[in-house]
Amino acid sequence: MNFTKEERAMWLEDWRQSGKKAWTYAKENGLIPQTFCSWVSREEKAASGFVEIAAIKNPKLEMPENILIEVGAVRIHVPLTVWSEGAAVIMEGLKAIL
């Protein structure tokens, strides 16, 4: 069953006044405990200033498979799988040709 924002707010306010644990309150009031606890969690995050933002996948912004470094006529393709380990070695090699 889907609830409106107003209905969820009503349930949450009634729960706060009850002094009961969220799981117990939900079961006693015919609500799905997991759902009710997620309402409580979202409200607590919102009250703390934390706002959850869903990740949006944008195919235009996907990471490249490799990094291209160009210095003059020298072109170096570095696979991202070795970037963290090989970055220092690559930089030393670039110093040598500059």
PDB file of N, CA and C in Angstrom:
ATOM      1  N   MET A   1       0.842  -1.179   0.000  1.00  0.00           N
ATOM      2  CA  MET A   1       0.000   0.000   0.000  1.00  0.00           C
ATOM      3  C   MET A   1       0.891   1.248   0.000  1.00  0.00           C
ATOM      4  N   ASN A   2       0.574   2.199  -0.852  1.00  0.00           N
ATOM      5  CA  ASN A   2       1.338   3.436  -0.928  1.00  0.00           C
ATOM      6  C   ASN A   2       0.685   4.511  -0.067  1.00  0.00           C
ATOM      7  N   PHE A   3       1.519   5.278   0.606  1.00  0.00           N
ATOM      8  CA  PHE A   3       1.039   6.361   1.457  1.00  0.00           C
ATOM      9  C   PHE A   3       1.519   7.689   0.897  1.00  0.00           C
ATOM     10  N   THR A   4       0.723   8.724   1.079  1.00  0.00           N
ATOM     11  CA  THR A   4       1.130  10.064   0.673  1.00  0.00           C
ATOM     12  C   THR A   4       2.133  10.598   1.696  1.00  0.00           C
ATOM     13  N   LYS A   5       2.785  11.689   1.358  1.00  0.00           N
ATOM     14  CA  LYS A   5       3.721  12.323   2.295  1.00  0.00           C
ATOM     15  C   LYS A   5       2.998  12.720   3.576  1.00  0.00           C
ATOM     16  N   GLU A   6       1.786  13.218   3.421  1.00  0.00           N
ATOM     17  CA  GLU A   6       1.010  13.653   4.586  1.00  0.00           C
ATOM     18  C   GLU A   6       0.674  12.473   5.491  1.00  0.00           C
ATOM     19  N   GLU A   7       0.313  11.330   4.877  1.00  0.00           N
ATOM     20  CA  GLU A   7      -0.002  10.139   5.674  1.00  0.00           C
ATOM     21  C   GLU A   7       1.236   9.624   6.393  1.00  0.00           C
ATOM     22  N   ARG A   8       2.363   9.610   5.690  1.00  0.00           N
ATOM     23  CA  ARG A   8       3.605   9.172   6.345  1.00  0.00           C
ATOM     24  C   ARG A   8       3.946  10.091   7.512  1.00  0.00           C
ATOM     25  N   ALA A   9       3.791  11.388   7.309  1.00  0.00           N
ATOM     26  CA  ALA A   9       4.062  12.346   8.387  1.00  0.00           C
ATOM     27  C   ALA A   9       3.154  12.097   9.578  1.00  0.00           C
ATOM     28  N   MET A  10       1.889  11.771   9.322  1.00  0.00           N
ATOM     29  CA  MET A  10       0.940  11.480  10.403  1.00  0.00           C
ATOM     30  C   MET A  10       1.366  10.239  11.176  1.00  0.00           C
ATOM     31  N   TRP A  11       1.739   9.181  10.447  1.00  0.00           N
ATOM     32  CA  TRP A  11       2.196   7.962  11.103  1.00  0.00           C
ATOM     33  C   TRP A  11       3.456   8.212  11.928  1.00  0.00           C
ATOM     34  N   LEU A  12       4.393   8.964  11.368  1.00  0.00           N
ATOM     35  CA  LEU A  12       5.642   9.247  12.082  1.00  0.00           C
ATOM     36  C   LEU A  12       5.399  10.076  13.337  1.00  0.00           C
ATOM     37  N   GLU A  13       4.516  11.055  13.260  1.00  0.00           N
ATOM     38  CA  GLU A  13       4.207  11.874  14.433  1.00  0.00           C
ATOM     39  C   GLU A  13       3.539  11.027  15.512  1.00  0.00           C
ATOM     40  N   ASP A  14       2.610  10.180  15.108  1.00  0.00           N
ATOM     41  CA  ASP A  14       1.939   9.305  16.074  1.00  0.00           C
ATOM     42  C   ASP A  14       2.941   8.350  16.718  1.00  0.00           C
ATOM     43  N   TRP A  15       3.884   7.833  15.914  1.00  0.00           N
ATOM     44  CA  TRP A  15       4.914   6.947  16.450  1.00  0.00           C
ATOM     45  C   TRP A  15       5.781   7.671  17.478  1.00  0.00           C
ATOM     46  N   ARG A  16       6.225   8.911  17.153  1.00  0.00           N
ATOM     47  CA  ARG A  16       7.058   9.672  18.095  1.00  0.00           C
ATOM     48  C   ARG A  16       6.341   9.855  19.429  1.00  0.00           C
ATOM     49  N   GLN A  17       5.048  10.152  19.374  1.00  0.00           N
ATOM     50  CA  GLN A  17       4.280  10.373  20.603  1.00  0.00           C
ATOM     51  C   GLN A  17       4.058   9.077  21.376  1.00  0.00           C
ATOM     52  N   SER A  18       4.130   7.939  20.683  1.00  0.00           N
ATOM     53  CA  SER A  18       3.895   6.655  21.347  1.00  0.00           C
ATOM     54  C   SER A  18       5.060   6.243  22.245  1.00  0.00           C
ATOM     55  N   GLY A  19       6.277   6.686  21.921  1.00  0.00           N
ATOM     56  CA  GLY A  19       7.445   6.309  22.700  1.00  0.00           C
ATOM     57  C   GLY A  19       7.906   4.885  22.442  1.00  0.00           C
ATOM     58  N   LYS A  20       7.303   4.220  21.473  1.00  0.00           N
ATOM     59  CA  LYS A  20       7.655   2.829  21.177  1.00  0.00           C
ATOM     60  C   LYS A  20       8.778   2.762  20.148  1.00  0.00           C
ATOM     61  N   LYS A  21       9.395   1.585  20.079  1.00  0.00           N
ATOM     62  CA  LYS A  21      10.383   1.344  19.036  1.00  0.00           C
ATOM     63  C   LYS A  21       9.649   1.293  17.701  1.00  0.00           C
ATOM     64  N   ALA A  22      10.318   1.746  16.642  1.00  0.00           N
ATOM     65  CA  ALA A  22       9.689   1.835  15.328  1.00  0.00           C
ATOM     66  C   ALA A  22       9.148   0.487  14.860  1.00  0.00           C
ATOM     67  N   TRP A  23       9.937  -0.565  15.037  1.00  0.00           N
ATOM     68  CA  TRP A  23       9.520  -1.897  14.589  1.00  0.00           C
ATOM     69  C   TRP A  23       8.240  -2.330  15.298  1.00  0.00           C
ATOM     70  N   THR A  24       8.218  -2.159  16.614  1.00  0.00           N
ATOM     71  CA  THR A  24       7.055  -2.544  17.417  1.00  0.00           C
ATOM     72  C   THR A  24       5.832  -1.734  17.008  1.00  0.00           C
ATOM     73  N   TYR A  25       6.005  -0.419  16.875  1.00  0.00           N
ATOM     74  CA  TYR A  25       4.896   0.449  16.497  1.00  0.00           C
ATOM     75  C   TYR A  25       4.313   0.015  15.152  1.00  0.00           C
ATOM     76  N   ALA A  26       5.180  -0.253  14.185  1.00  0.00           N
ATOM     77  CA  ALA A  26       4.717  -0.645  12.855  1.00  0.00           C
ATOM     78  C   ALA A  26       3.899  -1.926  12.919  1.00  0.00           C
ATOM     79  N   LYS A  27       4.408  -2.930  13.620  1.00  0.00           N
ATOM     80  CA  LYS A  27       3.692  -4.204  13.718  1.00  0.00           C
ATOM     81  C   LYS A  27       2.343  -4.028  14.400  1.00  0.00           C
ATOM     82  N   GLU A  28       2.306  -3.238  15.462  1.00  0.00           N
ATOM     83  CA  GLU A  28       1.063  -3.029  16.197  1.00  0.00           C
ATOM     84  C   GLU A  28       0.020  -2.258  15.389  1.00  0.00           C
ATOM     85  N   ASN A  29       0.484  -1.491  14.386  1.00  0.00           N
ATOM     86  CA  ASN A  29      -0.433  -0.662  13.610  1.00  0.00           C
ATOM     87  C   ASN A  29      -0.643  -1.171  12.185  1.00  0.00           C
ATOM     88  N   GLY A  30      -0.246  -2.411  11.923  1.00  0.00           N
ATOM     89  CA  GLY A  30      -0.500  -3.021  10.617  1.00  0.00           C
ATOM     90  C   GLY A  30       0.351  -2.475   9.485  1.00  0.00           C
ATOM     91  N   LEU A  31       1.472  -1.857   9.844  1.00  0.00           N
ATOM     92  CA  LEU A  31       2.393  -1.346   8.825  1.00  0.00           C
ATOM     93  C   LEU A  31       3.506  -2.360   8.607  1.00  0.00           C
ATOM     94  N   ILE A  32       4.104  -2.331   7.448  1.00  0.00           N
ATOM     95  CA  ILE A  32       5.248  -3.207   7.188  1.00  0.00           C
ATOM     96  C   ILE A  32       6.444  -2.616   7.926  1.00  0.00           C
ATOM     97  N   PRO A  33       6.994  -3.356   8.901  1.00  0.00           N
ATOM     98  CA  PRO A  33       8.077  -2.802   9.733  1.00  0.00           C
ATOM     99  C   PRO A  33       9.271  -2.283   8.941  1.00  0.00           C
ATOM    100  N   GLN A  34       9.709  -3.009   7.901  1.00  0.00           N
ATOM    101  CA  GLN A  34      10.859  -2.559   7.118  1.00  0.00           C
ATOM    102  C   GLN A  34      10.562  -1.220   6.441  1.00  0.00           C
ATOM    103  N   THR A  35       9.360  -1.092   5.923  1.00  0.00           N
ATOM    104  CA  THR A  35       8.968   0.154   5.260  1.00  0.00           C
ATOM    105  C   THR A  35       8.916   1.296   6.264  1.00  0.00           C
ATOM    106  N   PHE A  36       8.289   1.057   7.401  1.00  0.00           N
ATOM    107  CA  PHE A  36       8.169   2.107   8.408  1.00  0.00           C
ATOM    108  C   PHE A  36       9.546   2.532   8.906  1.00  0.00           C
ATOM    109  N   CYS A  37      10.422   1.568   9.139  1.00  0.00           N
ATOM    110  CA  CYS A  37      11.778   1.903   9.598  1.00  0.00           C
ATOM    111  C   CYS A  37      12.535   2.708   8.544  1.00  0.00           C
ATOM    112  N   SER A  38      12.272   2.447   7.251  1.00  0.00           N
ATOM    113  CA  SER A  38      12.928   3.256   6.215  1.00  0.00           C
ATOM    114  C   SER A  38      12.381   4.681   6.239  1.00  0.00           C
ATOM    115  N   TRP A  39      11.098   4.866   6.564  1.00  0.00           N
ATOM    116  CA  TRP A  39      10.542   6.221   6.713  1.00  0.00           C
ATOM    117  C   TRP A  39      11.268   6.949   7.836  1.00  0.00           C
ATOM    118  N   VAL A  40      11.431   6.240   8.955  1.00  0.00           N
ATOM    119  CA  VAL A  40      12.103   6.829  10.121  1.00  0.00           C
ATOM    120  C   VAL A  40      13.530   7.214   9.758  1.00  0.00           C
ATOM    121  N   SER A  41      14.232   6.314   9.073  1.00  0.00           N
ATOM    122  CA  SER A  41      15.616   6.577   8.683  1.00  0.00           C
ATOM    123  C   SER A  41      15.710   7.792   7.762  1.00  0.00           C
ATOM    124  N   ARG A  42      14.817   7.869   6.762  1.00  0.00           N
ATOM    125  CA  ARG A  42      14.833   9.020   5.843  1.00  0.00           C
ATOM    126  C   ARG A  42      14.561  10.319   6.587  1.00  0.00           C
ATOM    127  N   GLU A  43      13.630  10.281   7.532  1.00  0.00           N
ATOM    128  CA  GLU A  43      13.309  11.493   8.299  1.00  0.00           C
ATOM    129  C   GLU A  43      14.495  11.922   9.154  1.00  0.00           C
ATOM    130  N   GLU A  44      15.174  10.958   9.775  1.00  0.00           N
ATOM    131  CA  GLU A  44      16.336  11.284  10.601  1.00  0.00           C
ATOM    132  C   GLU A  44      17.464  11.875   9.754  1.00  0.00           C
ATOM    133  N   LYS A  45      17.672  11.321   8.558  1.00  0.00           N
ATOM    134  CA  LYS A  45      18.700  11.862   7.670  1.00  0.00           C
ATOM    135  C   LYS A  45      18.354  13.282   7.251  1.00  0.00           C
ATOM    136  N   ALA A  46      17.078  13.512   6.925  1.00  0.00           N
ATOM    137  CA  ALA A  46      16.645  14.849   6.513  1.00  0.00           C
ATOM    138  C   ALA A  46      16.817  15.840   7.655  1.00  0.00           C
ATOM    139  N   ALA A  47      16.512  15.417   8.878  1.00  0.00           N
ATOM    140  CA  ALA A  47      16.641  16.299  10.035  1.00  0.00           C
ATOM    141  C   ALA A  47      18.102  16.628  10.332  1.00  0.00           C
ATOM    142  N   SER A  48      19.004  15.720   9.960  1.00  0.00           N
ATOM    143  CA  SER A  48      20.426  15.948  10.222  1.00  0.00           C
ATOM    144  C   SER A  48      21.069  16.814   9.150  1.00  0.00           C
ATOM    145  N   GLY A  49      20.310  17.134   8.108  1.00  0.00           N
ATOM    146  CA  GLY A  49      20.864  17.922   7.020  1.00  0.00           C
ATOM    147  C   GLY A  49      21.417  17.064   5.909  1.00  0.00           C
ATOM    148  N   PHE A  50      21.412  15.746   6.098  1.00  0.00           N
ATOM    149  CA  PHE A  50      21.892  14.823   5.085  1.00  0.00           C
ATOM    150  C   PHE A  50      20.796  14.622   4.052  1.00  0.00           C
ATOM    151  N   VAL A  51      21.134  14.777   2.795  1.00  0.00           N
ATOM    152  CA  VAL A  51      20.176  14.560   1.730  1.00  0.00           C
ATOM    153  C   VAL A  51      20.752  13.528   0.781  1.00  0.00           C
ATOM    154  N   GLU A  52      20.036  12.429   0.615  1.00  0.00           N
ATOM    155  CA  GLU A  52      20.499  11.386  -0.274  1.00  0.00           C
ATOM    156  C   GLU A  52      20.131  11.752  -1.705  1.00  0.00           C
ATOM    157  N   ILE A  53      21.108  11.669  -2.586  1.00  0.00           N
ATOM    158  CA  ILE A  53      20.881  11.977  -3.994  1.00  0.00           C
ATOM    159  C   ILE A  53      21.169  10.717  -4.790  1.00  0.00           C
ATOM    160  N   ALA A  54      20.194  10.295  -5.568  1.00  0.00           N
ATOM    161  CA  ALA A  54      20.371   9.091  -6.372  1.00  0.00           C
ATOM    162  C   ALA A  54      21.381   9.358  -7.484  1.00  0.00           C
ATOM    163  N   ALA A  55      22.216   8.372  -7.726  1.00  0.00           N
ATOM    164  CA  ALA A  55      23.209   8.490  -8.790  1.00  0.00           C
ATOM    165  C   ALA A  55      22.508   8.463 -10.139  1.00  0.00           C
ATOM    166  N   ILE A  56      22.940   9.321 -11.017  1.00  0.00           N
ATOM    167  CA  ILE A  56      22.384   9.374 -12.367  1.00  0.00           C
ATOM    168  C   ILE A  56      23.495   8.995 -13.330  1.00  0.00           C
ATOM    169  N   LYS A  57      23.245   7.958 -14.094  1.00  0.00           N
ATOM    170  CA  LYS A  57      24.258   7.523 -15.052  1.00  0.00           C
ATOM    171  C   LYS A  57      24.070   8.299 -16.343  1.00  0.00           C
ATOM    172  N   ASN A  58      25.110   8.968 -16.731  1.00  0.00           N
ATOM    173  CA  ASN A  58      25.085   9.749 -17.961  1.00  0.00           C
ATOM    174  C   ASN A  58      26.108   9.135 -18.905  1.00  0.00           C
ATOM    175  N   PRO A  59      25.640   8.474 -19.976  1.00  0.00           N
ATOM    176  CA  PRO A  59      26.596   7.816 -20.869  1.00  0.00           C
ATOM    177  C   PRO A  59      27.599   8.773 -21.500  1.00  0.00           C
ATOM    178  N   LYS A  60      27.264  10.040 -21.612  1.00  0.00           N
ATOM    179  CA  LYS A  60      28.185  11.015 -22.190  1.00  0.00           C
ATOM    180  C   LYS A  60      29.355  11.309 -21.253  1.00  0.00           C
ATOM    181  N   LEU A  61      29.182  11.030 -19.953  1.00  0.00           N
ATOM    182  CA  LEU A  61      30.211  11.347 -18.965  1.00  0.00           C
ATOM    183  C   LEU A  61      30.943  10.117 -18.442  1.00  0.00           C
ATOM    184  N   GLU A  62      30.815   8.983 -19.118  1.00  0.00           N
ATOM    185  CA  GLU A  62      31.480   7.776 -18.636  1.00  0.00           C
ATOM    186  C   GLU A  62      32.993   7.932 -18.709  1.00  0.00           C
ATOM    187  N   MET A  63      33.667   7.243 -17.808  1.00  0.00           N
ATOM    188  CA  MET A  63      35.120   7.314 -17.739  1.00  0.00           C
ATOM    189  C   MET A  63      35.730   6.628 -18.959  1.00  0.00           C
ATOM    190  N   PRO A  64      36.817   7.188 -19.479  1.00  0.00           N
ATOM    191  CA  PRO A  64      37.502   6.536 -20.596  1.00  0.00           C
ATOM    192  C   PRO A  64      38.208   5.285 -20.096  1.00  0.00           C
ATOM    193  N   GLU A  65      38.548   4.405 -21.024  1.00  0.00           N
ATOM    194  CA  GLU A  65      39.265   3.191 -20.656  1.00  0.00           C
ATOM    195  C   GLU A  65      40.744   3.468 -20.406  1.00  0.00           C
ATOM    196  N   ASN A  66      41.241   4.548 -21.004  1.00  0.00           N
ATOM    197  CA  ASN A  66      42.643   4.875 -20.784  1.00  0.00           C
ATOM    198  C   ASN A  66      42.831   6.389 -20.797  1.00  0.00           C
ATOM    199  N   ILE A  67      44.008   6.784 -20.361  1.00  0.00           N
ATOM    200  CA  ILE A  67      44.362   8.205 -20.324  1.00  0.00           C
ATOM    201  C   ILE A  67      45.409   8.440 -21.406  1.00  0.00           C
ATOM    202  N   LEU A  68      45.239   9.504 -22.148  1.00  0.00           N
ATOM    203  CA  LEU A  68      46.197   9.849 -23.195  1.00  0.00           C
ATOM    204  C   LEU A  68      47.046  11.013 -22.701  1.00  0.00           C
ATOM    205  N   ILE A  69      48.355  10.808 -22.715  1.00  0.00           N
ATOM    206  CA  ILE A  69      49.289  11.871 -22.345  1.00  0.00           C
ATOM    207  C   ILE A  69      50.073  12.209 -23.607  1.00  0.00           C
ATOM    208  N   GLU A  70      50.041  13.490 -23.993  1.00  0.00           N
ATOM    209  CA  GLU A  70      50.768  13.921 -25.187  1.00  0.00           C
ATOM    210  C   GLU A  70      51.799  14.971 -24.804  1.00  0.00           C
ATOM    211  N   VAL A  71      53.032  14.741 -25.198  1.00  0.00           N
ATOM    212  CA  VAL A  71      54.106  15.703 -25.000  1.00  0.00           C
ATOM    213  C   VAL A  71      54.833  15.798 -26.331  1.00  0.00           C
ATOM    214  N   GLY A  72      54.615  16.901 -27.033  1.00  0.00           N
ATOM    215  CA  GLY A  72      55.207  17.039 -28.361  1.00  0.00           C
ATOM    216  C   GLY A  72      54.689  15.937 -29.270  1.00  0.00           C
ATOM    217  N   ALA A  73      55.621  15.188 -29.880  1.00  0.00           N
ATOM    218  CA  ALA A  73      55.246  14.093 -30.770  1.00  0.00           C
ATOM    219  C   ALA A  73      55.040  12.778 -30.031  1.00  0.00           C
ATOM    220  N   VAL A  74      55.272  12.775 -28.721  1.00  0.00           N
ATOM    221  CA  VAL A  74      55.154  11.546 -27.937  1.00  0.00           C
ATOM    222  C   VAL A  74      53.716  11.417 -27.420  1.00  0.00           C
ATOM    223  N   ARG A  75      53.106  10.270 -27.674  1.00  0.00           N
ATOM    224  CA  ARG A  75      51.745   9.981 -27.194  1.00  0.00           C
ATOM    225  C   ARG A  75      51.805   8.710 -26.351  1.00  0.00           C
ATOM    226  N   ILE A  76      51.308   8.804 -25.137  1.00  0.00           N
ATOM    227  CA  ILE A  76      51.315   7.656 -24.239  1.00  0.00           C
ATOM    228  C   ILE A  76      49.873   7.356 -23.850  1.00  0.00           C
ATOM    229  N   HIS A  77      49.443   6.122 -24.108  1.00  0.00           N
ATOM    230  CA  HIS A  77      48.124   5.650 -23.703  1.00  0.00           C
ATOM    231  C   HIS A  77      48.313   4.814 -22.440  1.00  0.00           C
ATOM    232  N   VAL A  78      47.682   5.222 -21.358  1.00  0.00           N
ATOM    233  CA  VAL A  78      47.828   4.523 -20.089  1.00  0.00           C
ATOM    234  C   VAL A  78      46.474   3.934 -19.696  1.00  0.00           C
ATOM    235  N   PRO A  79      46.361   2.605 -19.639  1.00  0.00           N
ATOM    236  CA  PRO A  79      45.098   2.006 -19.189  1.00  0.00           C
ATOM    237  C   PRO A  79      44.811   2.412 -17.751  1.00  0.00           C
ATOM    238  N   LEU A  80      43.562   2.738 -17.458  1.00  0.00           N
ATOM    239  CA  LEU A  80      43.205   3.161 -16.102  1.00  0.00           C
ATOM    240  C   LEU A  80      43.462   2.074 -15.076  1.00  0.00           C
ATOM    241  N   THR A  81      43.506   0.834 -15.510  1.00  0.00           N
ATOM    242  CA  THR A  81      43.761  -0.256 -14.572  1.00  0.00           C
ATOM    243  C   THR A  81      45.160  -0.200 -13.981  1.00  0.00           C
ATOM    244  N   VAL A  82      46.101   0.493 -14.644  1.00  0.00           N
ATOM    245  CA  VAL A  82      47.460   0.598 -14.115  1.00  0.00           C
ATOM    246  C   VAL A  82      47.806   2.015 -13.694  1.00  0.00           C
ATOM    247  N   TRP A  83      46.860   2.946 -13.811  1.00  0.00           N
ATOM    248  CA  TRP A  83      47.163   4.347 -13.564  1.00  0.00           C
ATOM    249  C   TRP A  83      47.712   4.584 -12.158  1.00  0.00           C
ATOM    250  N   SER A  84      47.044   4.056 -11.147  1.00  0.00           N
ATOM    251  CA  SER A  84      47.496   4.352  -9.786  1.00  0.00           C
ATOM    252  C   SER A  84      48.872   3.758  -9.501  1.00  0.00           C
ATOM    253  N   GLU A  85      49.151   2.574 -10.037  1.00  0.00           N
ATOM    254  CA  GLU A  85      50.451   1.958  -9.789  1.00  0.00           C
ATOM    255  C   GLU A  85      51.543   2.560 -10.675  1.00  0.00           C
ATOM    256  N   GLY A  86      51.181   2.919 -11.897  1.00  0.00           N
ATOM    257  CA  GLY A  86      52.205   3.342 -12.836  1.00  0.00           C
ATOM    258  C   GLY A  86      52.358   4.832 -13.010  1.00  0.00           C
ATOM    259  N   ALA A  87      51.584   5.631 -12.330  1.00  0.00           N
ATOM    260  CA  ALA A  87      51.627   7.085 -12.520  1.00  0.00           C
ATOM    261  C   ALA A  87      53.016   7.655 -12.237  1.00  0.00           C
ATOM    262  N   ALA A  88      53.629   7.235 -11.158  1.00  0.00           N
ATOM    263  CA  ALA A  88      54.954   7.767 -10.804  1.00  0.00           C
ATOM    264  C   ALA A  88      55.990   7.394 -11.861  1.00  0.00           C
ATOM    265  N   VAL A  89      55.940   6.166 -12.360  1.00  0.00           N
ATOM    266  CA  VAL A  89      56.887   5.706 -13.378  1.00  0.00           C
ATOM    267  C   VAL A  89      56.695   6.507 -14.659  1.00  0.00           C
ATOM    268  N   ILE A  90      55.443   6.728 -15.020  1.00  0.00           N
ATOM    269  CA  ILE A  90      55.153   7.490 -16.237  1.00  0.00           C
ATOM    270  C   ILE A  90      55.661   8.924 -16.106  1.00  0.00           C
ATOM    271  N   MET A  91      55.446   9.526 -14.969  1.00  0.00           N
ATOM    272  CA  MET A  91      55.896  10.905 -14.753  1.00  0.00           C
ATOM    273  C   MET A  91      57.414  10.997 -14.817  1.00  0.00           C
ATOM    274  N   GLU A  92      58.118  10.022 -14.255  1.00  0.00           N
ATOM    275  CA  GLU A  92      59.573  10.007 -14.342  1.00  0.00           C
ATOM    276  C   GLU A  92      60.020   9.879 -15.782  1.00  0.00           C
ATOM    277  N   GLY A  93      59.330   9.030 -16.561  1.00  0.00           N
ATOM    278  CA  GLY A  93      59.675   8.886 -17.964  1.00  0.00           C
ATOM    279  C   GLY A  93      59.449  10.168 -18.744  1.00  0.00           C
ATOM    280  N   LEU A  94      58.385  10.896 -18.425  1.00  0.00           N
ATOM    281  CA  LEU A  94      58.113  12.166 -19.093  1.00  0.00           C
ATOM    282  C   LEU A  94      59.194  13.203 -18.752  1.00  0.00           C
ATOM    283  N   LYS A  95      59.657  13.202 -17.518  1.00  0.00           N
ATOM    284  CA  LYS A  95      60.718  14.132 -17.135  1.00  0.00           C
ATOM    285  C   LYS A  95      61.979  13.892 -17.980  1.00  0.00           C
ATOM    286  N   ALA A  96      62.236  12.615 -18.258  1.00  0.00           N
ATOM    287  CA  ALA A  96      63.427  12.257 -18.997  1.00  0.00           C
ATOM    288  C   ALA A  96      63.379  12.742 -20.457  1.00  0.00           C
ATOM    289  N   ILE A  97      62.183  12.802 -21.037  1.00  0.00           N
ATOM    290  CA  ILE A  97      62.113  13.224 -22.455  1.00  0.00           C
ATOM    291  C   ILE A  97      61.882  14.724 -22.615  1.00  0.00           C
ATOM    292  N   LEU A  98      61.612  15.397 -21.551  1.00  0.00           N
ATOM    293  CA  LEU A  98      61.368  16.842 -21.661  1.00  0.00           C
ATOM    294  C   LEU A  98      62.614  17.644 -21.558  1.00  0.00           C
TER     295      LEU A  98
END
